[in-house]
Amino acid sequence: DYLNLALDNGVTPAEISEIVTHLAFYTGWANAMSAVAIASGVFKTRNI
């Protein structure tokens, strides 16, 4: 839900990609991979 809202609010797919990548180092690799699993579905739905 919040990924979709972020895209609607002007956060770009590239910026979301970088946020996930950045947080792998600052909050742990597994947290980033968990986010990837959700973001991939959102990106697919929105044809990103």
All heavy atoms as atom14 arrays in JSON, in Angstrom:
{
  "sequence": "DYLNLALDNGVTPAEISEIVTHLAFYTGWANAMSAVAIASGVFKTRNI",
  "atom14_mask": [
    [1, 1, 1, 1, 1, 1, 1, 1, 0, 0, 0, 0, 0, 0],
    [1, 1, 1, 1, 1, 1, 1, 1, 1, 1, 1, 1, 0, 0],
    [1, 1, 1, 1, 1, 1, 1, 1, 0, 0, 0, 0, 0, 0],
    [1, 1, 1, 1, 1, 1, 1, 1, 0, 0, 0, 0, 0, 0],
    [1, 1, 1, 1, 1, 1, 1, 1, 0, 0, 0, 0, 0, 0],
    [1, 1, 1, 1, 1, 0, 0, 0, 0, 0, 0, 0, 0, 0],
    [1, 1, 1, 1, 1, 1, 1, 1, 0, 0, 0, 0, 0, 0],
    [1, 1, 1, 1, 1, 1, 1, 1, 0, 0, 0, 0, 0, 0],
    [1, 1, 1, 1, 1, 1, 1, 1, 0, 0, 0, 0, 0, 0],
    [1, 1, 1, 1, 0, 0, 0, 0, 0, 0, 0, 0, 0, 0],
    [1, 1, 1, 1, 1, 1, 1, 0, 0, 0, 0, 0, 0, 0],
    [1, 1, 1, 1, 1, 1, 1, 0, 0, 0, 0, 0, 0, 0],
    [1, 1, 1, 1, 1, 1, 1, 0, 0, 0, 0, 0, 0, 0],
    [1, 1, 1, 1, 1, 0, 0, 0, 0, 0, 0, 0, 0, 0],
    [1, 1, 1, 1, 1, 1, 1, 1, 1, 0, 0, 0, 0, 0],
    [1, 1, 1, 1, 1, 1, 1, 1, 0, 0, 0, 0, 0, 0],
    [1, 1, 1, 1, 1, 1, 0, 0, 0, 0, 0, 0, 0, 0],
    [1, 1, 1, 1, 1, 1, 1, 1, 1, 0, 0, 0, 0, 0],
    [1, 1, 1, 1, 1, 1, 1, 1, 0, 0, 0, 0, 0, 0],
    [1, 1, 1, 1, 1, 1, 1, 0, 0, 0, 0, 0, 0, 0],
    [1, 1, 1, 1, 1, 1, 1, 0, 0, 0, 0, 0, 0, 0],
    [1, 1, 1, 1, 1, 1, 1, 1, 1, 1, 0, 0, 0, 0],
    [1, 1, 1, 1, 1, 1, 1, 1, 0, 0, 0, 0, 0, 0],
    [1, 1, 1, 1, 1, 0, 0, 0, 0, 0, 0, 0, 0, 0],
    [1, 1, 1, 1, 1, 1, 1, 1, 1, 1, 1, 0, 0, 0],
    [1, 1, 1, 1, 1, 1, 1, 1, 1, 1, 1, 1, 0, 0],
    [1, 1, 1, 1, 1, 1, 1, 0, 0, 0, 0, 0, 0, 0],
    [1, 1, 1, 1, 0, 0, 0, 0, 0, 0, 0, 0, 0, 0],
    [1, 1, 1, 1, 1, 1, 1, 1, 1, 1, 1, 1, 1, 1],
    [1, 1, 1, 1, 1, 0, 0, 0, 0, 0, 0, 0, 0, 0],
    [1, 1, 1, 1, 1, 1, 1, 1, 0, 0, 0, 0, 0, 0],
    [1, 1, 1, 1, 1, 0, 0, 0, 0, 0, 0, 0, 0, 0],
    [1, 1, 1, 1, 1, 1, 1, 1, 0, 0, 0, 0, 0, 0],
    [1, 1, 1, 1, 1, 1, 0, 0, 0, 0, 0, 0, 0, 0],
    [1, 1, 1, 1, 1, 0, 0, 0, 0, 0, 0, 0, 0, 0],
    [1, 1, 1, 1, 1, 1, 1, 0, 0, 0, 0, 0, 0, 0],
    [1, 1, 1, 1, 1, 0, 0, 0, 0, 0, 0, 0, 0, 0],
    [1, 1, 1, 1, 1, 1, 1, 1, 0, 0, 0, 0, 0, 0],
    [1, 1, 1, 1, 1, 0, 0, 0, 0, 0, 0, 0, 0, 0],
    [1, 1, 1, 1, 1, 1, 0, 0, 0, 0, 0, 0, 0, 0],
    [1, 1, 1, 1, 0, 0, 0, 0, 0, 0, 0, 0, 0, 0],
    [1, 1, 1, 1, 1, 1, 1, 0, 0, 0, 0, 0, 0, 0],
    [1, 1, 1, 1, 1, 1, 1, 1, 1, 1, 1, 0, 0, 0],
    [1, 1, 1, 1, 1, 1, 1, 1, 1, 0, 0, 0, 0, 0],
    [1, 1, 1, 1, 1, 1, 1, 0, 0, 0, 0, 0, 0, 0],
    [1, 1, 1, 1, 1, 1, 1, 1, 1, 1, 1, 0, 0, 0],
    [1, 1, 1, 1, 1, 1, 1, 1, 0, 0, 0, 0, 0, 0],
    [1, 1, 1, 1, 1, 1, 1, 1, 0, 0, 0, 0, 0, 0]
  ],
  "atom14_positions": [
    [[0.83, -1.2, 0.0], [0.0, 0.0, 0.0], [0.87, 1.25, 0.0], [0.61, 2.2, -0.75], [-0.89, 0.02, 1.24], [-2.15, -0.82, 1.06], [-2.4, -1.29, -0.06], [-2.89, -0.99, 2.05], [0.0, 0.0, 0.0], [0.0, 0.0, 0.0], [0.0, 0.0, 0.0], [0.0, 0.0, 0.0], [0.0, 0.0, 0.0], [0.0, 0.0, 0.0]],
    [[1.9, 1.28, 0.84], [2.72, 2.47, 0.97], [3.69, 2.64, -0.19], [4.1, 3.76, -0.5], [3.42, 2.48, 2.33], [2.48, 2.89, 3.43], [1.96, 1.94, 4.31], [2.09, 4.22, 3.58], [1.06, 2.31, 5.3], [1.22, 4.6, 4.57], [0.69, 3.65, 5.44], [-0.2, 4.03, 6.42], [0.0, 0.0, 0.0], [0.0, 0.0, 0.0]],
    [[4.06, 1.56, -0.83], [4.84, 1.67, -2.07], [4.01, 2.33, -3.17], [4.48, 3.21, -3.89], [5.33, 0.3, -2.52], [6.51, -0.29, -1.75], [6.67, -1.78, -2.07], [7.8, 0.46, -2.07], [0.0, 0.0, 0.0], [0.0, 0.0, 0.0], [0.0, 0.0, 0.0], [0.0, 0.0, 0.0], [0.0, 0.0, 0.0], [0.0, 0.0, 0.0]],
    [[2.76, 1.89, -3.28], [1.87, 2.51, -4.26], [1.63, 3.98, -3.94], [1.63, 4.83, -4.84], [0.53, 1.76, -4.31], [0.59, 0.53, -5.21], [0.91, 0.62, -6.39], [0.29, -0.63, -4.65], [0.0, 0.0, 0.0], [0.0, 0.0, 0.0], [0.0, 0.0, 0.0], [0.0, 0.0, 0.0], [0.0, 0.0, 0.0], [0.0, 0.0, 0.0]],
    [[1.44, 4.3, -2.67], [1.25, 5.69, -2.28], [2.5, 6.51, -2.59], [2.4, 7.65, -3.07], [0.92, 5.78, -0.79], [0.7, 7.18, -0.22], [-0.47, 7.88, -0.92], [0.47, 7.13, 1.29], [0.0, 0.0, 0.0], [0.0, 0.0, 0.0], [0.0, 0.0, 0.0], [0.0, 0.0, 0.0], [0.0, 0.0, 0.0], [0.0, 0.0, 0.0]],
    [[3.67, 5.94, -2.33], [4.92, 6.65, -2.63], [5.03, 6.96, -4.11], [5.4, 8.07, -4.5], [6.11, 5.81, -2.17], [0.0, 0.0, 0.0], [0.0, 0.0, 0.0], [0.0, 0.0, 0.0], [0.0, 0.0, 0.0], [0.0, 0.0, 0.0], [0.0, 0.0, 0.0], [0.0, 0.0, 0.0], [0.0, 0.0, 0.0], [0.0, 0.0, 0.0]],
    [[4.7, 6.0, -4.96], [4.73, 6.23, -6.4], [3.73, 7.32, -6.79], [4.03, 8.19, -7.61], [4.45, 4.93, -7.14], [5.55, 3.87, -7.07], [5.02, 2.5, -7.48], [6.75, 4.26, -7.94], [0.0, 0.0, 0.0], [0.0, 0.0, 0.0], [0.0, 0.0, 0.0], [0.0, 0.0, 0.0], [0.0, 0.0, 0.0], [0.0, 0.0, 0.0]],
    [[2.56, 7.29, -6.18], [1.56, 8.33, -6.45], [2.03, 9.7, -5.97], [1.66, 10.73, -6.54], [0.23, 7.99, -5.77], [-0.44, 6.76, -6.37], [-0.1, 6.38, -7.51], [-1.31, 6.17, -5.69], [0.0, 0.0, 0.0], [0.0, 0.0, 0.0], [0.0, 0.0, 0.0], [0.0, 0.0, 0.0], [0.0, 0.0, 0.0], [0.0, 0.0, 0.0]],
    [[2.84, 9.72, -4.91], [3.32, 10.98, -4.33], [4.59, 11.49, -5.0], [5.16, 12.5, -4.57], [3.57, 10.81, -2.83], [2.28, 10.83, -2.02], [1.26, 11.34, -2.48], [2.31, 10.29, -0.81], [0.0, 0.0, 0.0], [0.0, 0.0, 0.0], [0.0, 0.0, 0.0], [0.0, 0.0, 0.0], [0.0, 0.0, 0.0], [0.0, 0.0, 0.0]],
    [[5.06, 10.8, -6.03], [6.19, 11.31, -6.79], [7.53, 10.65, -6.53], [8.54, 11.06, -7.12], [0.0, 0.0, 0.0], [0.0, 0.0, 0.0], [0.0, 0.0, 0.0], [0.0, 0.0, 0.0], [0.0, 0.0, 0.0], [0.0, 0.0, 0.0], [0.0, 0.0, 0.0], [0.0, 0.0, 0.0], [0.0, 0.0, 0.0], [0.0, 0.0, 0.0]],
    [[7.58, 9.65, -5.67], [8.81, 8.88, -5.5], [8.94, 7.98, -6.73], [8.02, 7.25, -7.07], [8.79, 8.03, -4.21], [10.12, 7.31, -4.02], [8.49, 8.9, -3.0], [0.0, 0.0, 0.0], [0.0, 0.0, 0.0], [0.0, 0.0, 0.0], [0.0, 0.0, 0.0], [0.0, 0.0, 0.0], [0.0, 0.0, 0.0], [0.0, 0.0, 0.0]],
    [[10.06, 8.03, -7.39], [10.23, 7.28, -8.64], [10.6, 5.82, -8.36], [11.12, 5.5, -7.29], [11.31, 7.9, -9.52], [12.59, 7.72, -8.89], [11.06, 9.39, -9.75], [0.0, 0.0, 0.0], [0.0, 0.0, 0.0], [0.0, 0.0, 0.0], [0.0, 0.0, 0.0], [0.0, 0.0, 0.0], [0.0, 0.0, 0.0], [0.0, 0.0, 0.0]],
    [[10.34, 4.94, -9.33], [10.8, 3.55, -9.18], [12.3, 3.47, -8.91], [12.74, 2.64, -8.11], [10.43, 2.91, -10.52], [9.26, 3.71, -11.0], [9.54, 5.11, -10.57], [0.0, 0.0, 0.0], [0.0, 0.0, 0.0], [0.0, 0.0, 0.0], [0.0, 0.0, 0.0], [0.0, 0.0, 0.0], [0.0, 0.0, 0.0], [0.0, 0.0, 0.0]],
    [[13.09, 4.31, -9.58], [14.53, 4.3, -9.37], [14.86, 4.67, -7.92], [15.77, 4.08, -7.31], [15.21, 5.28, -10.33], [0.0, 0.0, 0.0], [0.0, 0.0, 0.0], [0.0, 0.0, 0.0], [0.0, 0.0, 0.0], [0.0, 0.0, 0.0], [0.0, 0.0, 0.0], [0.0, 0.0, 0.0], [0.0, 0.0, 0.0], [0.0, 0.0, 0.0]],
    [[14.15, 5.63, -7.36], [14.4, 6.03, -5.98], [14.0, 4.93, -5.01], [14.69, 4.68, -4.02], [13.65, 7.33, -5.67], [14.26, 8.54, -6.38], [13.39, 9.77, -6.31], [12.15, 9.65, -6.15], [13.95, 10.89, -6.4], [0.0, 0.0, 0.0], [0.0, 0.0, 0.0], [0.0, 0.0, 0.0], [0.0, 0.0, 0.0], [0.0, 0.0, 0.0]],
    [[12.9, 4.24, -5.28], [12.5, 3.12, -4.43], [13.56, 2.02, -4.48], [13.93, 1.44, -3.45], [11.12, 2.58, -4.87], [10.03, 3.58, -4.47], [10.85, 1.2, -4.24], [8.65, 3.23, -4.98], [0.0, 0.0, 0.0], [0.0, 0.0, 0.0], [0.0, 0.0, 0.0], [0.0, 0.0, 0.0], [0.0, 0.0, 0.0], [0.0, 0.0, 0.0]],
    [[14.07, 1.74, -5.67], [15.13, 0.75, -5.82], [16.34, 1.12, -4.96], [16.92, 0.27, -4.27], [15.55, 0.66, -7.3], [16.65, -0.2, -7.46], [0.0, 0.0, 0.0], [0.0, 0.0, 0.0], [0.0, 0.0, 0.0], [0.0, 0.0, 0.0], [0.0, 0.0, 0.0], [0.0, 0.0, 0.0], [0.0, 0.0, 0.0], [0.0, 0.0, 0.0]],
    [[16.71, 2.41, -4.99], [17.87, 2.86, -4.21], [17.58, 2.85, -2.72], [18.48, 2.57, -1.91], [18.29, 4.26, -4.66], [18.99, 4.28, -6.01], [20.31, 3.52, -5.99], [21.09, 3.67, -5.02], [20.57, 2.77, -6.95], [0.0, 0.0, 0.0], [0.0, 0.0, 0.0], [0.0, 0.0, 0.0], [0.0, 0.0, 0.0], [0.0, 0.0, 0.0]],
    [[16.36, 3.15, -2.31], [16.0, 3.1, -0.89], [16.18, 1.69, -0.36], [16.74, 1.47, 0.71], [14.56, 3.6, -0.69], [14.48, 5.12, -0.9], [14.05, 3.24, 0.71], [13.06, 5.67, -0.98], [0.0, 0.0, 0.0], [0.0, 0.0, 0.0], [0.0, 0.0, 0.0], [0.0, 0.0, 0.0], [0.0, 0.0, 0.0], [0.0, 0.0, 0.0]],
    [[15.67, 0.71, -1.11], [15.8, -0.68, -0.68], [17.27, -1.09, -0.61], [17.72, -1.72, 0.36], [15.02, -1.61, -1.64], [15.28, -3.08, -1.3], [13.53, -1.31, -1.58], [0.0, 0.0, 0.0], [0.0, 0.0, 0.0], [0.0, 0.0, 0.0], [0.0, 0.0, 0.0], [0.0, 0.0, 0.0], [0.0, 0.0, 0.0], [0.0, 0.0, 0.0]],
    [[18.03, -0.72, -1.63], [19.46, -1.04, -1.66], [20.18, -0.41, -0.47], [20.98, -1.06, 0.21], [20.09, -0.55, -2.98], [19.41, -1.16, -4.07], [21.56, -0.9, -3.04], [0.0, 0.0, 0.0], [0.0, 0.0, 0.0], [0.0, 0.0, 0.0], [0.0, 0.0, 0.0], [0.0, 0.0, 0.0], [0.0, 0.0, 0.0], [0.0, 0.0, 0.0]],
    [[19.91, 0.85, -0.24], [20.56, 1.57, 0.86], [20.25, 0.91, 2.2], [21.15, 0.74, 3.05], [20.08, 3.02, 0.86], [20.85, 3.91, 1.78], [22.06, 4.48, 1.45], [20.59, 4.34, 3.05], [22.5, 5.22, 2.44], [21.62, 5.15, 3.43], [0.0, 0.0, 0.0], [0.0, 0.0, 0.0], [0.0, 0.0, 0.0], [0.0, 0.0, 0.0]],
    [[19.0, 0.54, 2.39], [18.6, -0.02, 3.69], [19.14, -1.42, 3.92], [19.16, -1.89, 5.07], [17.07, 0.01, 3.81], [16.49, 1.41, 3.99], [14.97, 1.38, 3.94], [16.97, 2.03, 5.3], [0.0, 0.0, 0.0], [0.0, 0.0, 0.0], [0.0, 0.0, 0.0], [0.0, 0.0, 0.0], [0.0, 0.0, 0.0], [0.0, 0.0, 0.0]],
    [[19.59, -2.09, 2.87], [20.25, -3.38, 3.08], [21.45, -3.22, 4.0], [21.75, -4.09, 4.83], [20.69, -3.97, 1.74], [0.0, 0.0, 0.0], [0.0, 0.0, 0.0], [0.0, 0.0, 0.0], [0.0, 0.0, 0.0], [0.0, 0.0, 0.0], [0.0, 0.0, 0.0], [0.0, 0.0, 0.0], [0.0, 0.0, 0.0], [0.0, 0.0, 0.0]],
    [[22.14, -2.09, 3.86], [23.34, -1.84, 4.66], [23.02, -1.24, 6.02], [23.74, -1.47, 6.99], [24.29, -0.92, 3.89], [24.88, -1.57, 2.67], [24.24, -1.48, 1.44], [26.05, -2.31, 2.75], [24.76, -2.09, 0.31], [26.58, -2.93, 1.63], [25.94, -2.82, 0.41], [0.0, 0.0, 0.0], [0.0, 0.0, 0.0], [0.0, 0.0, 0.0]],
    [[21.94, -0.47, 6.1], [21.66, 0.22, 7.36], [20.64, -0.5, 8.23], [20.51, -0.16, 9.42], [21.21, 1.66, 7.07], [22.42, 2.53, 6.79], [22.91, 2.68, 5.5], [23.11, 3.15, 7.82], [24.06, 3.43, 5.25], [24.25, 3.9, 7.59], [24.71, 4.04, 6.3], [25.86, 4.78, 6.06], [0.0, 0.0, 0.0], [0.0, 0.0, 0.0]],
    [[19.93, -1.48, 7.69], [18.98, -2.23, 8.54], [19.08, -3.74, 8.34], [18.35, -4.48, 8.98], [17.53, -1.79, 8.26], [17.12, -2.23, 6.95], [17.38, -0.29, 8.36], [0.0, 0.0, 0.0], [0.0, 0.0, 0.0], [0.0, 0.0, 0.0], [0.0, 0.0, 0.0], [0.0, 0.0, 0.0], [0.0, 0.0, 0.0], [0.0, 0.0, 0.0]],
    [[19.98, -4.19, 7.46], [20.18, -5.62, 7.29], [19.72, -6.14, 5.94], [18.71, -5.7, 5.38], [0.0, 0.0, 0.0], [0.0, 0.0, 0.0], [0.0, 0.0, 0.0], [0.0, 0.0, 0.0], [0.0, 0.0, 0.0], [0.0, 0.0, 0.0], [0.0, 0.0, 0.0], [0.0, 0.0, 0.0], [0.0, 0.0, 0.0], [0.0, 0.0, 0.0]],
    [[20.5, -7.08, 5.42], [20.25, -7.66, 4.1], [18.87, -8.3, 4.01], [18.15, -8.13, 3.02], [21.33, -8.7, 3.81], [21.79, -8.7, 2.39], [21.44, -9.57, 1.41], [22.71, -7.77, 1.79], [22.08, -9.26, 0.23], [22.87, -8.16, 0.44], [23.41, -6.66, 2.26], [23.7, -7.48, -0.45], [24.23, -5.98, 1.38], [24.37, -6.39, 0.05]],
    [[18.47, -9.04, 5.05], [17.2, -9.77, 5.0], [16.01, -8.81, 4.94], [15.01, -9.1, 4.27], [17.08, -10.68, 6.22], [0.0, 0.0, 0.0], [0.0, 0.0, 0.0], [0.0, 0.0, 0.0], [0.0, 0.0, 0.0], [0.0, 0.0, 0.0], [0.0, 0.0, 0.0], [0.0, 0.0, 0.0], [0.0, 0.0, 0.0], [0.0, 0.0, 0.0]],
    [[16.09, -7.67, 5.62], [15.01, -6.7, 5.55], [14.85, -6.18, 4.12], [13.73, -5.99, 3.64], [15.29, -5.53, 6.5], [15.01, -5.88, 7.95], [14.38, -6.89, 8.24], [15.47, -5.05, 8.85], [0.0, 0.0, 0.0], [0.0, 0.0, 0.0], [0.0, 0.0, 0.0], [0.0, 0.0, 0.0], [0.0, 0.0, 0.0], [0.0, 0.0, 0.0]],
    [[15.96, -5.93, 3.46], [15.9, -5.46, 2.08], [15.3, -6.52, 1.17], [14.47, -6.22, 0.3], [17.29, -5.07, 1.59], [0.0, 0.0, 0.0], [0.0, 0.0, 0.0], [0.0, 0.0, 0.0], [0.0, 0.0, 0.0], [0.0, 0.0, 0.0], [0.0, 0.0, 0.0], [0.0, 0.0, 0.0], [0.0, 0.0, 0.0], [0.0, 0.0, 0.0]],
    [[15.69, -7.77, 1.37], [15.16, -8.84, 0.53], [13.66, -9.04, 0.77], [12.9, -9.36, -0.16], [15.92, -10.15, 0.8], [17.35, -10.12, 0.3], [17.43, -9.83, -1.48], [19.21, -9.87, -1.74], [0.0, 0.0, 0.0], [0.0, 0.0, 0.0], [0.0, 0.0, 0.0], [0.0, 0.0, 0.0], [0.0, 0.0, 0.0], [0.0, 0.0, 0.0]],
    [[13.21, -8.84, 2.01], [11.78, -8.93, 2.29], [11.03, -7.82, 1.55], [9.92, -8.03, 1.04], [11.53, -8.81, 3.8], [12.08, -9.91, 4.49], [0.0, 0.0, 0.0], [0.0, 0.0, 0.0], [0.0, 0.0, 0.0], [0.0, 0.0, 0.0], [0.0, 0.0, 0.0], [0.0, 0.0, 0.0], [0.0, 0.0, 0.0], [0.0, 0.0, 0.0]],
    [[11.64, -6.64, 1.49], [11.03, -5.53, 0.76], [11.0, -5.8, -0.74], [10.05, -5.44, -1.43], [11.78, -4.23, 1.05], [0.0, 0.0, 0.0], [0.0, 0.0, 0.0], [0.0, 0.0, 0.0], [0.0, 0.0, 0.0], [0.0, 0.0, 0.0], [0.0, 0.0, 0.0], [0.0, 0.0, 0.0], [0.0, 0.0, 0.0], [0.0, 0.0, 0.0]],
    [[12.06, -6.43, -1.25], [12.11, -6.79, -2.67], [10.92, -7.67, -3.06], [10.3, -7.48, -4.11], [13.44, -7.51, -3.0], [13.36, -8.21, -4.35], [14.6, -6.52, -3.0], [0.0, 0.0, 0.0], [0.0, 0.0, 0.0], [0.0, 0.0, 0.0], [0.0, 0.0, 0.0], [0.0, 0.0, 0.0], [0.0, 0.0, 0.0], [0.0, 0.0, 0.0]],
    [[10.58, -8.62, -2.21], [9.48, -9.54, -2.51], [8.16, -8.8, -2.69], [7.34, -9.17, -3.53], [9.35, -10.58, -1.39], [0.0, 0.0, 0.0], [0.0, 0.0, 0.0], [0.0, 0.0, 0.0], [0.0, 0.0, 0.0], [0.0, 0.0, 0.0], [0.0, 0.0, 0.0], [0.0, 0.0, 0.0], [0.0, 0.0, 0.0], [0.0, 0.0, 0.0]],
    [[7.96, -7.73, -1.91], [6.73, -6.95, -2.03], [6.84, -5.97, -3.2], [5.91, -5.82, -4.0], [6.45, -6.18, -0.73], [6.41, -7.14, 0.47], [5.14, -5.4, -0.85], [5.34, -8.19, 0.41], [0.0, 0.0, 0.0], [0.0, 0.0, 0.0], [0.0, 0.0, 0.0], [0.0, 0.0, 0.0], [0.0, 0.0, 0.0], [0.0, 0.0, 0.0]],
    [[7.97, -5.28, -3.3], [8.14, -4.27, -4.35], [8.05, -4.88, -5.74], [7.53, -4.25, -6.67], [9.48, -3.56, -4.17], [0.0, 0.0, 0.0], [0.0, 0.0, 0.0], [0.0, 0.0, 0.0], [0.0, 0.0, 0.0], [0.0, 0.0, 0.0], [0.0, 0.0, 0.0], [0.0, 0.0, 0.0], [0.0, 0.0, 0.0], [0.0, 0.0, 0.0]],
    [[8.53, -6.08, -5.9], [8.5, -6.71, -7.23], [7.06, -6.88, -7.71], [6.76, -6.69, -8.89], [9.22, -8.05, -7.21], [8.59, -8.97, -6.34], [0.0, 0.0, 0.0], [0.0, 0.0, 0.0], [0.0, 0.0, 0.0], [0.0, 0.0, 0.0], [0.0, 0.0, 0.0], [0.0, 0.0, 0.0], [0.0, 0.0, 0.0], [0.0, 0.0, 0.0]],
    [[6.15, -7.24, -6.78], [4.74, -7.37, -7.14], [4.12, -6.03, -7.51], [3.34, -5.93, -8.46], [0.0, 0.0, 0.0], [0.0, 0.0, 0.0], [0.0, 0.0, 0.0], [0.0, 0.0, 0.0], [0.0, 0.0, 0.0], [0.0, 0.0, 0.0], [0.0, 0.0, 0.0], [0.0, 0.0, 0.0], [0.0, 0.0, 0.0], [0.0, 0.0, 0.0]],
    [[4.46, -5.0, -6.73], [3.95, -3.66, -7.03], [4.46, -3.17, -8.38], [3.71, -2.64, -9.2], [4.36, -2.66, -5.92], [4.01, -1.23, -6.3], [3.69, -3.04, -4.6], [0.0, 0.0, 0.0], [0.0, 0.0, 0.0], [0.0, 0.0, 0.0], [0.0, 0.0, 0.0], [0.0, 0.0, 0.0], [0.0, 0.0, 0.0], [0.0, 0.0, 0.0]],
    [[5.75, -3.37, -8.62], [6.33, -2.95, -9.9], [5.68, -3.68, -11.07], [5.39, -3.08, -12.11], [7.84, -3.2, -9.91], [8.64, -2.19, -9.12], [8.04, -1.25, -8.3], [10.02, -2.19, -9.2], [8.77, -0.32, -7.59], [10.78, -1.26, -8.49], [10.16, -0.33, -7.69], [0.0, 0.0, 0.0], [0.0, 0.0, 0.0], [0.0, 0.0, 0.0]],
    [[5.43, -4.95, -10.9], [4.81, -5.74, -11.97], [3.41, -5.22, -12.27], [3.04, -5.04, -13.44], [4.78, -7.21, -11.59], [4.19, -8.12, -12.67], [4.24, -9.57, -12.24], [3.66, -10.48, -13.33], [3.71, -11.91, -12.93], [0.0, 0.0, 0.0], [0.0, 0.0, 0.0], [0.0, 0.0, 0.0], [0.0, 0.0, 0.0], [0.0, 0.0, 0.0]],
    [[2.65, -4.96, -11.2], [1.28, -4.48, -11.37], [1.24, -3.14, -12.1], [0.34, -2.87, -12.9], [0.59, -4.35, -10.01], [0.55, -5.64, -9.38], [-0.83, -3.82, -10.14], [0.0, 0.0, 0.0], [0.0, 0.0, 0.0], [0.0, 0.0, 0.0], [0.0, 0.0, 0.0], [0.0, 0.0, 0.0], [0.0, 0.0, 0.0], [0.0, 0.0, 0.0]],
    [[2.24, -2.29, -11.83], [2.26, -0.95, -12.42], [3.11, -0.89, -13.69], [3.4, 0.2, -14.19], [2.78, 0.05, -11.38], [1.84, 0.16, -10.17], [2.34, 1.13, -9.13], [2.22, 2.51, -9.56], [1.54, 3.45, -8.9], [0.9, 3.14, -7.77], [1.5, 4.69, -9.33], [0.0, 0.0, 0.0], [0.0, 0.0, 0.0], [0.0, 0.0, 0.0]],
    [[3.5, -2.06, -14.2], [4.28, -2.15, -15.45], [5.58, -1.35, -15.38], [5.97, -0.68, -16.33], [3.43, -1.67, -16.64], [2.23, -2.55, -16.91], [2.34, -3.78, -16.89], [1.07, -1.94, -17.13], [0.0, 0.0, 0.0], [0.0, 0.0, 0.0], [0.0, 0.0, 0.0], [0.0, 0.0, 0.0], [0.0, 0.0, 0.0], [0.0, 0.0, 0.0]],
    [[6.23, -1.45, -14.24], [7.53, -0.8, -14.06], [8.61, -1.81, -14.43], [8.73, -2.86, -13.8], [7.71, -0.32, -12.61], [6.68, 0.77, -12.29], [9.13, 0.19, -12.37], [6.61, 1.13, -10.82], [0.0, 0.0, 0.0], [0.0, 0.0, 0.0], [0.0, 0.0, 0.0], [0.0, 0.0, 0.0], [0.0, 0.0, 0.0], [0.0, 0.0, 0.0]]
  ]
}
